[in-house]
Amino acid sequence: MEPVLFAIALGLVAFTATNIGDLFVLVMFFSNPSFSTRQVVTGQYIGVSLLVAISAVSYFAAFIIPSAWIRLMGVFPIIIGIKNLVKRKTRKTPIAYKIEPIGESQPKIIRHPGHNILSVAIVSFADGGDNIAVYIPLFASSSLHQLFILLTVFLIMIGVWCMTAYCLLRNKIAGEQIRKYGNIFFPFALIGLGLVILLR
């Protein structure tokens, strides 16, 4: 039971740490009257699932690459985490995210559903470049049942992320708090994930 709970916790930390910024990208899409909720959710699932699928292929590398080499890939999340720590300390002005509540009377103007879904998917995929560097060593160092648990957690979290972003539009204070503490949590979580991979 403990390995299962550990894999679930690892999946939650990995997804949350690598998708804090994506949360506010989703907010922007939800606040755009040209995009429907269904289009944003569908595009997000396509974009993030593609990132996860590409990374999951690394699991099969465990059969041809020595396990010691796979563990060494844990340095990549650590490097990304340290880079973000340095960036946060040297950044003079914080990144501003404009979060506006959805008015009940605000009309949704839906145009080109397929194009909108593709737009969300492309942005989600492009915004997750660093995610692959984190997911590949995580998946490659996992057993088959751990990989299944991680993928299940990630798929569930995509939906949770969409719902959270939508709710943030109705609560500006909550959005500011998540952005503030999420930026603090992000680099340390990546460093911790890297250490877990190195020591597994």
N, C-alpha and C. Protein backbone atom coordinates (compact mmCIF):
# COMPACT_ATOMS: atom_id res chain seq x y z
N MET A 1 0.82 -1.20 0.00
CA MET A 1 0.00 0.00 0.00
C MET A 1 0.86 1.27 0.00
N GLU A 2 1.97 1.23 0.76
CA GLU A 2 2.84 2.39 0.84
C GLU A 2 3.45 2.77 -0.52
N PRO A 3 3.93 1.79 -1.34
CA PRO A 3 4.45 2.17 -2.66
C PRO A 3 3.39 2.84 -3.53
N VAL A 4 2.14 2.42 -3.40
CA VAL A 4 1.06 3.02 -4.18
C VAL A 4 0.85 4.46 -3.76
N LEU A 5 0.78 4.70 -2.44
CA LEU A 5 0.59 6.05 -1.94
C LEU A 5 1.78 6.94 -2.30
N PHE A 6 2.97 6.35 -2.28
CA PHE A 6 4.17 7.10 -2.65
C PHE A 6 4.11 7.52 -4.12
N ALA A 7 3.68 6.60 -4.99
CA ALA A 7 3.57 6.90 -6.41
C ALA A 7 2.52 7.97 -6.66
N ILE A 8 1.40 7.91 -5.93
CA ILE A 8 0.34 8.92 -6.07
C ILE A 8 0.86 10.28 -5.64
N ALA A 9 1.55 10.32 -4.49
CA ALA A 9 2.10 11.57 -3.98
C ALA A 9 3.14 12.14 -4.95
N LEU A 10 3.97 11.25 -5.51
CA LEU A 10 4.99 11.68 -6.46
C LEU A 10 4.34 12.27 -7.72
N GLY A 11 3.27 11.63 -8.18
CA GLY A 11 2.56 12.13 -9.35
C GLY A 11 1.94 13.49 -9.09
N LEU A 12 1.34 13.66 -7.92
CA LEU A 12 0.72 14.94 -7.57
C LEU A 12 1.75 16.06 -7.50
N VAL A 13 2.89 15.77 -6.86
CA VAL A 13 3.94 16.78 -6.74
C VAL A 13 4.53 17.12 -8.11
N ALA A 14 4.79 16.09 -8.92
CA ALA A 14 5.39 16.31 -10.23
C ALA A 14 4.48 17.14 -11.12
N PHE A 15 3.19 16.80 -11.15
CA PHE A 15 2.26 17.53 -12.01
C PHE A 15 2.08 18.96 -11.53
N THR A 16 1.89 19.12 -10.22
CA THR A 16 1.66 20.47 -9.67
C THR A 16 2.87 21.37 -9.89
N ALA A 17 4.05 20.83 -9.63
CA ALA A 17 5.26 21.63 -9.75
C ALA A 17 5.53 22.08 -11.17
N THR A 18 5.19 21.24 -12.15
CA THR A 18 5.51 21.55 -13.54
C THR A 18 4.38 22.28 -14.27
N ASN A 19 3.25 22.50 -13.60
CA ASN A 19 2.12 23.11 -14.30
C ASN A 19 1.53 24.33 -13.61
N ILE A 20 2.29 24.93 -12.68
CA ILE A 20 1.82 26.15 -12.02
C ILE A 20 1.57 27.26 -13.05
N GLY A 21 2.56 27.48 -13.93
CA GLY A 21 2.40 28.52 -14.94
C GLY A 21 1.27 28.22 -15.90
N ASP A 22 1.09 26.95 -16.22
CA ASP A 22 0.04 26.55 -17.15
C ASP A 22 -1.35 26.85 -16.59
N LEU A 23 -1.44 26.88 -15.27
CA LEU A 23 -2.72 27.18 -14.63
C LEU A 23 -3.22 28.55 -15.05
N PHE A 24 -2.32 29.51 -15.12
CA PHE A 24 -2.72 30.86 -15.47
C PHE A 24 -2.88 31.06 -16.98
N VAL A 25 -2.23 30.21 -17.75
CA VAL A 25 -2.49 30.21 -19.19
C VAL A 25 -3.93 29.75 -19.43
N LEU A 26 -4.35 28.75 -18.67
CA LEU A 26 -5.74 28.28 -18.78
C LEU A 26 -6.71 29.37 -18.38
N VAL A 27 -6.37 30.14 -17.36
CA VAL A 27 -7.24 31.24 -16.93
C VAL A 27 -7.45 32.22 -18.08
N MET A 28 -6.38 32.51 -18.80
CA MET A 28 -6.48 33.44 -19.93
C MET A 28 -7.42 32.89 -21.02
N PHE A 29 -7.31 31.59 -21.30
CA PHE A 29 -8.18 31.00 -22.31
C PHE A 29 -9.64 31.02 -21.86
N PHE A 30 -9.89 30.67 -20.60
CA PHE A 30 -11.25 30.65 -20.10
C PHE A 30 -11.88 32.05 -20.09
N SER A 31 -11.05 33.06 -19.91
CA SER A 31 -11.57 34.43 -19.86
C SER A 31 -11.78 35.02 -21.24
N ASN A 32 -11.31 34.32 -22.28
CA ASN A 32 -11.47 34.79 -23.66
C ASN A 32 -12.83 34.34 -24.19
N PRO A 33 -13.72 35.27 -24.55
CA PRO A 33 -15.06 34.89 -25.02
C PRO A 33 -15.07 34.10 -26.32
N SER A 34 -13.94 34.06 -27.03
CA SER A 34 -13.88 33.31 -28.28
C SER A 34 -13.70 31.81 -28.06
N PHE A 35 -13.38 31.41 -26.82
CA PHE A 35 -13.15 30.00 -26.50
C PHE A 35 -14.22 29.50 -25.55
N SER A 36 -14.82 28.37 -25.90
CA SER A 36 -15.78 27.75 -25.00
C SER A 36 -15.03 26.91 -23.97
N THR A 37 -15.72 26.59 -22.88
CA THR A 37 -15.11 25.77 -21.83
C THR A 37 -14.70 24.41 -22.38
N ARG A 38 -15.55 23.84 -23.22
CA ARG A 38 -15.24 22.52 -23.80
C ARG A 38 -14.00 22.58 -24.68
N GLN A 39 -13.85 23.64 -25.45
CA GLN A 39 -12.68 23.76 -26.31
C GLN A 39 -11.39 23.87 -25.50
N VAL A 40 -11.42 24.64 -24.43
CA VAL A 40 -10.23 24.81 -23.60
C VAL A 40 -9.85 23.50 -22.93
N VAL A 41 -10.84 22.81 -22.35
CA VAL A 41 -10.58 21.54 -21.67
C VAL A 41 -10.05 20.50 -22.64
N THR A 42 -10.69 20.40 -23.81
CA THR A 42 -10.26 19.42 -24.82
C THR A 42 -8.84 19.71 -25.29
N GLY A 43 -8.55 20.98 -25.58
CA GLY A 43 -7.21 21.36 -26.03
C GLY A 43 -6.16 21.11 -24.98
N GLN A 44 -6.51 21.37 -23.71
CA GLN A 44 -5.57 21.13 -22.62
C GLN A 44 -5.26 19.64 -22.48
N TYR A 45 -6.28 18.81 -22.58
CA TYR A 45 -6.06 17.36 -22.47
C TYR A 45 -5.16 16.87 -23.61
N ILE A 46 -5.38 17.40 -24.82
CA ILE A 46 -4.57 16.97 -25.96
C ILE A 46 -3.11 17.39 -25.77
N GLY A 47 -2.90 18.66 -25.41
CA GLY A 47 -1.54 19.18 -25.28
C GLY A 47 -0.74 18.51 -24.18
N VAL A 48 -1.33 18.41 -22.97
CA VAL A 48 -0.61 17.82 -21.85
C VAL A 48 -0.46 16.31 -22.03
N SER A 49 -1.49 15.66 -22.57
CA SER A 49 -1.40 14.21 -22.79
C SER A 49 -0.29 13.87 -23.77
N LEU A 50 -0.08 14.73 -24.76
CA LEU A 50 1.00 14.51 -25.73
C LEU A 50 2.36 14.61 -25.04
N LEU A 51 2.50 15.60 -24.15
CA LEU A 51 3.73 15.73 -23.38
C LEU A 51 3.99 14.49 -22.54
N VAL A 52 2.93 14.02 -21.87
CA VAL A 52 3.05 12.86 -21.00
C VAL A 52 3.36 11.61 -21.82
N ALA A 53 2.68 11.47 -22.98
CA ALA A 53 2.89 10.29 -23.82
C ALA A 53 4.33 10.22 -24.33
N ILE A 54 4.86 11.36 -24.76
CA ILE A 54 6.25 11.40 -25.23
C ILE A 54 7.21 11.00 -24.12
N SER A 55 6.92 11.51 -22.92
CA SER A 55 7.78 11.20 -21.77
C SER A 55 7.65 9.75 -21.35
N ALA A 56 6.43 9.19 -21.46
CA ALA A 56 6.19 7.82 -21.00
C ALA A 56 6.95 6.80 -21.83
N VAL A 57 7.26 7.14 -23.06
CA VAL A 57 8.04 6.23 -23.91
C VAL A 57 9.39 5.94 -23.27
N SER A 58 9.85 6.88 -22.44
CA SER A 58 11.14 6.71 -21.79
C SER A 58 11.16 5.51 -20.85
N TYR A 59 9.96 5.03 -20.44
CA TYR A 59 9.90 3.86 -19.57
C TYR A 59 10.61 2.67 -20.20
N PHE A 60 10.47 2.52 -21.51
CA PHE A 60 11.07 1.39 -22.21
C PHE A 60 12.60 1.51 -22.30
N ALA A 61 13.10 2.73 -22.04
CA ALA A 61 14.56 2.92 -22.04
C ALA A 61 15.20 2.15 -20.90
N ALA A 62 14.39 1.85 -19.87
CA ALA A 62 14.93 1.13 -18.71
C ALA A 62 15.40 -0.28 -19.09
N PHE A 63 14.89 -0.79 -20.21
CA PHE A 63 15.27 -2.15 -20.61
C PHE A 63 16.59 -2.18 -21.38
N ILE A 64 17.06 -1.02 -21.86
CA ILE A 64 18.28 -0.99 -22.67
C ILE A 64 19.35 -0.07 -22.09
N ILE A 65 18.95 0.79 -21.13
CA ILE A 65 19.90 1.73 -20.54
C ILE A 65 20.15 1.32 -19.09
N PRO A 66 21.39 1.26 -18.65
CA PRO A 66 21.68 0.90 -17.25
C PRO A 66 20.93 1.78 -16.27
N SER A 67 20.42 1.18 -15.20
CA SER A 67 19.61 1.92 -14.24
C SER A 67 20.37 3.08 -13.62
N ALA A 68 21.69 2.94 -13.47
CA ALA A 68 22.49 4.03 -12.89
C ALA A 68 22.45 5.26 -13.78
N TRP A 69 22.44 5.04 -15.10
CA TRP A 69 22.36 6.17 -16.02
C TRP A 69 21.00 6.85 -15.93
N ILE A 70 19.95 6.06 -15.80
CA ILE A 70 18.61 6.62 -15.69
C ILE A 70 18.49 7.47 -14.43
N ARG A 71 19.05 6.96 -13.33
CA ARG A 71 18.99 7.73 -12.09
C ARG A 71 19.72 9.07 -12.25
N LEU A 72 20.80 9.08 -13.02
CA LEU A 72 21.56 10.31 -13.20
C LEU A 72 20.74 11.40 -13.91
N MET A 73 19.69 10.98 -14.64
CA MET A 73 18.85 11.96 -15.30
C MET A 73 18.08 12.81 -14.29
N GLY A 74 18.11 12.39 -13.02
CA GLY A 74 17.48 13.19 -11.98
C GLY A 74 18.11 14.56 -11.82
N VAL A 75 19.31 14.74 -12.39
CA VAL A 75 19.96 16.05 -12.29
C VAL A 75 19.20 17.10 -13.10
N PHE A 76 18.45 16.69 -14.13
CA PHE A 76 17.74 17.66 -14.96
C PHE A 76 16.67 18.42 -14.19
N PRO A 77 15.77 17.74 -13.44
CA PRO A 77 14.83 18.50 -12.62
C PRO A 77 15.52 19.40 -11.60
N ILE A 78 16.65 18.93 -11.05
CA ILE A 78 17.40 19.74 -10.08
C ILE A 78 17.93 21.00 -10.75
N ILE A 79 18.48 20.86 -11.95
CA ILE A 79 19.01 22.01 -12.68
C ILE A 79 17.90 23.01 -12.99
N ILE A 80 16.74 22.49 -13.44
CA ILE A 80 15.62 23.38 -13.75
C ILE A 80 15.14 24.09 -12.49
N GLY A 81 15.09 23.36 -11.37
CA GLY A 81 14.66 23.96 -10.11
C GLY A 81 15.61 25.05 -9.66
N ILE A 82 16.92 24.79 -9.74
CA ILE A 82 17.92 25.79 -9.35
C ILE A 82 17.84 27.01 -10.27
N LYS A 83 17.65 26.74 -11.57
CA LYS A 83 17.54 27.84 -12.53
C LYS A 83 16.36 28.75 -12.20
N ASN A 84 15.24 28.14 -11.81
CA ASN A 84 14.07 28.94 -11.44
C ASN A 84 14.26 29.67 -10.12
N LEU A 85 15.02 29.07 -9.19
CA LEU A 85 15.34 29.76 -7.94
C LEU A 85 16.16 31.02 -8.23
N VAL A 86 17.18 30.88 -9.08
CA VAL A 86 18.02 32.02 -9.43
C VAL A 86 17.21 33.08 -10.16
N LYS A 87 16.36 32.63 -11.08
CA LYS A 87 15.54 33.56 -11.85
C LYS A 87 14.60 34.34 -10.94
N ARG A 88 14.04 33.65 -9.93
CA ARG A 88 13.10 34.29 -9.02
C ARG A 88 13.80 35.34 -8.16
N LYS A 89 15.07 35.07 -7.79
CA LYS A 89 15.81 36.00 -6.94
C LYS A 89 16.30 37.21 -7.72
N THR A 90 16.61 37.02 -9.01
CA THR A 90 17.15 38.11 -9.81
C THR A 90 16.08 38.92 -10.52
N ARG A 91 14.85 38.39 -10.57
CA ARG A 91 13.77 39.10 -11.24
C ARG A 91 13.34 40.29 -10.39
N LYS A 92 13.42 41.47 -10.95
CA LYS A 92 13.10 42.68 -10.20
C LYS A 92 11.60 42.92 -10.09
N THR A 93 10.89 42.61 -11.16
CA THR A 93 9.44 42.84 -11.14
C THR A 93 8.74 41.52 -11.34
N PRO A 94 7.79 41.17 -10.47
CA PRO A 94 7.09 39.89 -10.61
C PRO A 94 6.22 39.87 -11.84
N ILE A 95 6.01 38.67 -12.36
CA ILE A 95 5.14 38.51 -13.52
C ILE A 95 3.70 38.78 -13.09
N ALA A 96 3.02 39.59 -13.84
CA ALA A 96 1.65 39.95 -13.48
C ALA A 96 0.68 39.15 -14.33
N TYR A 97 -0.25 38.51 -13.68
CA TYR A 97 -1.32 37.79 -14.37
C TYR A 97 -2.62 38.53 -14.12
N LYS A 98 -3.30 38.87 -15.15
CA LYS A 98 -4.56 39.57 -14.99
C LYS A 98 -5.68 38.56 -14.94
N ILE A 99 -6.34 38.49 -13.80
CA ILE A 99 -7.43 37.54 -13.61
C ILE A 99 -8.73 38.31 -13.43
N GLU A 100 -9.65 38.13 -14.34
CA GLU A 100 -10.91 38.84 -14.27
C GLU A 100 -12.04 37.85 -14.13
N PRO A 101 -12.99 38.14 -13.22
CA PRO A 101 -14.14 37.25 -13.05
C PRO A 101 -15.03 37.26 -14.27
N ILE A 102 -15.67 36.12 -14.53
CA ILE A 102 -16.61 36.02 -15.64
C ILE A 102 -17.94 36.59 -15.24
N GLY A 103 -18.42 37.56 -15.97
CA GLY A 103 -19.73 38.12 -15.68
C GLY A 103 -20.82 37.22 -16.22
N GLU A 104 -21.92 37.16 -15.52
CA GLU A 104 -23.02 36.29 -15.95
C GLU A 104 -23.58 36.72 -17.30
N SER A 105 -23.49 38.04 -17.58
CA SER A 105 -24.08 38.55 -18.82
C SER A 105 -23.08 38.59 -19.97
N GLN A 106 -21.82 38.22 -19.70
CA GLN A 106 -20.79 38.26 -20.74
C GLN A 106 -21.02 37.16 -21.77
N PRO A 107 -21.25 37.53 -23.03
CA PRO A 107 -21.52 36.52 -24.05
C PRO A 107 -20.27 35.78 -24.46
N LYS A 108 -20.44 34.53 -24.79
CA LYS A 108 -19.34 33.72 -25.32
C LYS A 108 -19.44 33.71 -26.84
N ILE A 109 -18.39 34.19 -27.50
CA ILE A 109 -18.38 34.21 -28.95
C ILE A 109 -17.53 33.04 -29.42
N ILE A 110 -18.16 32.02 -29.95
CA ILE A 110 -17.45 30.81 -30.33
C ILE A 110 -17.18 30.82 -31.83
N ARG A 111 -15.89 30.77 -32.20
CA ARG A 111 -15.52 30.75 -33.61
C ARG A 111 -14.50 29.65 -33.86
N HIS A 112 -14.66 28.94 -34.98
CA HIS A 112 -13.70 27.92 -35.40
C HIS A 112 -13.34 26.96 -34.27
N PRO A 113 -14.27 26.09 -33.85
CA PRO A 113 -14.02 25.18 -32.72
C PRO A 113 -12.73 24.38 -32.88
N GLY A 114 -12.50 23.80 -34.07
CA GLY A 114 -11.30 23.00 -34.27
C GLY A 114 -10.03 23.82 -34.12
N HIS A 115 -10.05 25.03 -34.65
CA HIS A 115 -8.88 25.91 -34.56
C HIS A 115 -8.63 26.30 -33.12
N ASN A 116 -9.69 26.57 -32.35
CA ASN A 116 -9.55 26.95 -30.95
C ASN A 116 -8.94 25.81 -30.13
N ILE A 117 -9.43 24.60 -30.35
CA ILE A 117 -8.91 23.44 -29.63
C ILE A 117 -7.43 23.25 -29.95
N LEU A 118 -7.08 23.38 -31.23
CA LEU A 118 -5.69 23.22 -31.66
C LEU A 118 -4.81 24.31 -31.03
N SER A 119 -5.34 25.53 -30.94
CA SER A 119 -4.59 26.63 -30.35
C SER A 119 -4.25 26.35 -28.89
N VAL A 120 -5.23 25.87 -28.13
CA VAL A 120 -5.01 25.55 -26.72
C VAL A 120 -4.00 24.42 -26.59
N ALA A 121 -4.15 23.39 -27.45
CA ALA A 121 -3.25 22.23 -27.40
C ALA A 121 -1.81 22.64 -27.70
N ILE A 122 -1.62 23.49 -28.71
CA ILE A 122 -0.27 23.93 -29.08
C ILE A 122 0.37 24.74 -27.97
N VAL A 123 -0.41 25.66 -27.38
CA VAL A 123 0.13 26.48 -26.29
C VAL A 123 0.48 25.62 -25.08
N SER A 124 -0.40 24.66 -24.74
CA SER A 124 -0.15 23.77 -23.60
C SER A 124 1.10 22.93 -23.83
N PHE A 125 1.26 22.44 -25.06
CA PHE A 125 2.42 21.62 -25.39
C PHE A 125 3.70 22.45 -25.35
N ALA A 126 3.65 23.64 -25.98
CA ALA A 126 4.84 24.49 -26.04
C ALA A 126 5.23 25.00 -24.66
N ASP A 127 4.23 25.26 -23.82
CA ASP A 127 4.49 25.79 -22.47
C ASP A 127 5.09 24.72 -21.56
N GLY A 128 5.00 23.44 -21.99
CA GLY A 128 5.48 22.35 -21.14
C GLY A 128 6.82 21.78 -21.57
N GLY A 129 7.66 22.60 -22.20
CA GLY A 129 8.96 22.11 -22.65
C GLY A 129 9.80 21.54 -21.52
N ASP A 130 9.82 22.25 -20.39
CA ASP A 130 10.59 21.77 -19.23
C ASP A 130 9.96 20.53 -18.61
N ASN A 131 8.66 20.35 -18.81
CA ASN A 131 7.97 19.19 -18.23
C ASN A 131 8.60 17.88 -18.68
N ILE A 132 8.96 17.81 -19.96
CA ILE A 132 9.52 16.58 -20.50
C ILE A 132 10.82 16.22 -19.78
N ALA A 133 11.64 17.24 -19.49
CA ALA A 133 12.90 16.99 -18.80
C ALA A 133 12.68 16.45 -17.39
N VAL A 134 11.51 16.74 -16.82
CA VAL A 134 11.18 16.23 -15.49
C VAL A 134 10.52 14.86 -15.59
N TYR A 135 9.59 14.70 -16.55
CA TYR A 135 8.82 13.46 -16.65
C TYR A 135 9.65 12.28 -17.14
N ILE A 136 10.57 12.52 -18.06
CA ILE A 136 11.35 11.41 -18.64
C ILE A 136 12.11 10.63 -17.57
N PRO A 137 12.94 11.27 -16.73
CA PRO A 137 13.62 10.47 -15.70
C PRO A 137 12.67 9.89 -14.67
N LEU A 138 11.55 10.58 -14.40
CA LEU A 138 10.57 10.07 -13.44
C LEU A 138 9.94 8.79 -13.95
N PHE A 139 9.51 8.79 -15.20
CA PHE A 139 8.88 7.61 -15.79
C PHE A 139 9.88 6.49 -16.02
N ALA A 140 11.08 6.85 -16.49
CA ALA A 140 12.09 5.84 -16.80
C ALA A 140 12.55 5.10 -15.55
N SER A 141 12.49 5.75 -14.41
CA SER A 141 12.94 5.12 -13.16
C SER A 141 11.81 4.43 -12.41
N SER A 142 10.63 4.35 -13.03
CA SER A 142 9.46 3.74 -12.38
C SER A 142 9.25 2.31 -12.87
N SER A 143 8.59 1.52 -12.04
CA SER A 143 8.17 0.19 -12.47
C SER A 143 6.90 0.34 -13.30
N LEU A 144 6.44 -0.76 -13.89
CA LEU A 144 5.26 -0.69 -14.75
C LEU A 144 4.03 -0.24 -13.98
N HIS A 145 3.80 -0.79 -12.78
CA HIS A 145 2.61 -0.39 -12.03
C HIS A 145 2.74 1.04 -11.50
N GLN A 146 3.96 1.48 -11.19
CA GLN A 146 4.16 2.87 -10.79
C GLN A 146 3.88 3.81 -11.95
N LEU A 147 4.30 3.41 -13.14
CA LEU A 147 4.04 4.22 -14.34
C LEU A 147 2.55 4.36 -14.57
N PHE A 148 1.81 3.25 -14.41
CA PHE A 148 0.36 3.29 -14.59
C PHE A 148 -0.28 4.25 -13.59
N ILE A 149 0.17 4.21 -12.34
CA ILE A 149 -0.37 5.10 -11.30
C ILE A 149 -0.05 6.56 -11.65
N LEU A 150 1.18 6.82 -12.06
CA LEU A 150 1.58 8.18 -12.41
C LEU A 150 0.76 8.73 -13.57
N LEU A 151 0.56 7.90 -14.61
CA LEU A 151 -0.23 8.35 -15.76
C LEU A 151 -1.68 8.61 -15.36
N THR A 152 -2.24 7.77 -14.50
CA THR A 152 -3.61 7.96 -14.03
C THR A 152 -3.74 9.26 -13.25
N VAL A 153 -2.78 9.50 -12.36
CA VAL A 153 -2.78 10.74 -11.58
C VAL A 153 -2.69 11.95 -12.50
N PHE A 154 -1.84 11.89 -13.51
CA PHE A 154 -1.67 13.01 -14.43
C PHE A 154 -2.96 13.29 -15.20
N LEU A 155 -3.61 12.24 -15.68
CA LEU A 155 -4.85 12.43 -16.43
C LEU A 155 -5.94 13.05 -15.56
N ILE A 156 -6.02 12.63 -14.32
CA ILE A 156 -7.01 13.20 -13.40
C ILE A 156 -6.66 14.66 -13.10
N MET A 157 -5.38 14.93 -12.92
CA MET A 157 -4.95 16.28 -12.57
C MET A 157 -5.16 17.28 -13.69
N ILE A 158 -5.16 16.82 -14.94
CA ILE A 158 -5.47 17.74 -16.05
C ILE A 158 -6.88 18.30 -15.86
N GLY A 159 -7.83 17.42 -15.53
CA GLY A 159 -9.19 17.87 -15.28
C GLY A 159 -9.29 18.77 -14.06
N VAL A 160 -8.57 18.41 -13.01
CA VAL A 160 -8.55 19.23 -11.79
C VAL A 160 -7.97 20.61 -12.10
N TRP A 161 -6.94 20.65 -12.92
CA TRP A 161 -6.29 21.91 -13.28
C TRP A 161 -7.26 22.81 -14.05
N CYS A 162 -7.99 22.22 -14.99
CA CYS A 162 -8.98 22.99 -15.76
C CYS A 162 -10.06 23.56 -14.84
N MET A 163 -10.54 22.75 -13.93
CA MET A 163 -11.58 23.20 -13.00
C MET A 163 -11.05 24.29 -12.08
N THR A 164 -9.81 24.13 -11.62
CA THR A 164 -9.20 25.13 -10.75
C THR A 164 -9.03 26.46 -11.47
N ALA A 165 -8.57 26.41 -12.72
CA ALA A 165 -8.38 27.63 -13.50
C ALA A 165 -9.71 28.34 -13.71
N TYR A 166 -10.75 27.57 -13.99
CA TYR A 166 -12.07 28.17 -14.21
C TYR A 166 -12.57 28.84 -12.93
N CYS A 167 -12.34 28.20 -11.79
CA CYS A 167 -12.79 28.76 -10.50
C CYS A 167 -12.00 30.01 -10.14
N LEU A 168 -10.73 30.08 -10.57
CA LEU A 168 -9.92 31.25 -10.28
C LEU A 168 -10.49 32.51 -10.91
N LEU A 169 -11.19 32.33 -12.02
CA LEU A 169 -11.80 33.49 -12.68
C LEU A 169 -12.85 34.15 -11.79
N ARG A 170 -13.39 33.40 -10.87
CA ARG A 170 -14.42 33.93 -9.98
C ARG A 170 -13.86 34.34 -8.62
N ASN A 171 -12.55 34.15 -8.42
CA ASN A 171 -11.95 34.49 -7.13
C ASN A 171 -10.54 35.03 -7.36
N LYS A 172 -10.43 36.33 -7.48
CA LYS A 172 -9.15 36.96 -7.77
C LYS A 172 -8.15 36.76 -6.64
N ILE A 173 -8.63 36.82 -5.39
CA ILE A 173 -7.74 36.68 -4.23
C ILE A 173 -7.08 35.30 -4.23
N ALA A 174 -7.87 34.26 -4.49
CA ALA A 174 -7.32 32.89 -4.52
C ALA A 174 -6.27 32.76 -5.61
N GLY A 175 -6.52 33.38 -6.75
CA GLY A 175 -5.57 33.32 -7.86
C GLY A 175 -4.24 33.96 -7.50
N GLU A 176 -4.28 35.09 -6.81
CA GLU A 176 -3.06 35.77 -6.40
C GLU A 176 -2.27 34.93 -5.40
N GLN A 177 -2.97 34.26 -4.50
CA GLN A 177 -2.31 33.42 -3.50
C GLN A 177 -1.64 32.22 -4.14
N ILE A 178 -2.33 31.58 -5.09
CA ILE A 178 -1.75 30.42 -5.78
C ILE A 178 -0.52 30.83 -6.57
N ARG A 179 -0.60 31.99 -7.23
CA ARG A 179 0.56 32.45 -8.00
C ARG A 179 1.74 32.75 -7.07
N LYS A 180 1.45 33.39 -5.93
CA LYS A 180 2.51 33.78 -4.99
C LYS A 180 3.20 32.56 -4.39
N TYR A 181 2.42 31.64 -3.83
CA TYR A 181 3.01 30.49 -3.16
C TYR A 181 3.41 29.40 -4.15
N GLY A 182 2.76 29.35 -5.30
CA GLY A 182 3.13 28.38 -6.32
C GLY A 182 4.52 28.63 -6.86
N ASN A 183 4.87 29.91 -7.06
CA ASN A 183 6.21 30.24 -7.54
C ASN A 183 7.28 29.89 -6.52
N ILE A 184 6.93 29.94 -5.24
CA ILE A 184 7.87 29.56 -4.19
C ILE A 184 8.03 28.04 -4.16
N PHE A 185 6.91 27.34 -4.31
CA PHE A 185 6.89 25.88 -4.23
C PHE A 185 7.58 25.23 -5.42
N PHE A 186 7.45 25.82 -6.60
CA PHE A 186 7.89 25.23 -7.86
C PHE A 186 9.35 24.77 -7.86
N PRO A 187 10.34 25.65 -7.62
CA PRO A 187 11.74 25.19 -7.71
C PRO A 187 12.11 24.14 -6.68
N PHE A 188 11.60 24.27 -5.46
CA PHE A 188 11.94 23.30 -4.41
C PHE A 188 11.34 21.92 -4.70
N ALA A 189 10.14 21.92 -5.28
CA ALA A 189 9.50 20.65 -5.64
C ALA A 189 10.31 19.95 -6.73
N LEU A 190 10.81 20.70 -7.70
CA LEU A 190 11.61 20.10 -8.77
C LEU A 190 12.93 19.54 -8.23
N ILE A 191 13.55 20.28 -7.34
CA ILE A 191 14.80 19.80 -6.74
C ILE A 191 14.53 18.53 -5.95
N GLY A 192 13.42 18.51 -5.20
CA GLY A 192 13.06 17.32 -4.43
C GLY A 192 12.80 16.12 -5.32
N LEU A 193 12.11 16.34 -6.45
CA LEU A 193 11.84 15.26 -7.40
C LEU A 193 13.14 14.71 -7.97
N GLY A 194 14.06 15.62 -8.29
CA GLY A 194 15.35 15.19 -8.83
C GLY A 194 16.12 14.33 -7.84
N LEU A 195 16.07 14.70 -6.58
CA LEU A 195 16.76 13.93 -5.55
C LEU A 195 16.12 12.55 -5.38
N VAL A 196 14.77 12.49 -5.46
CA VAL A 196 14.07 11.21 -5.36
C VAL A 196 14.51 10.28 -6.48
N ILE A 197 14.61 10.82 -7.70
CA ILE A 197 15.01 10.02 -8.86
C ILE A 197 16.44 9.53 -8.69
N LEU A 198 17.31 10.41 -8.22
CA LEU A 198 18.73 10.04 -8.04
C LEU A 198 18.91 8.94 -7.01
N LEU A 199 18.05 8.94 -5.99
CA LEU A 199 18.22 8.01 -4.87
C LEU A 199 17.41 6.74 -5.01
N ARG A 200 16.54 6.63 -6.05
CA ARG A 200 15.68 5.46 -6.18
C ARG A 200 16.49 4.24 -6.56
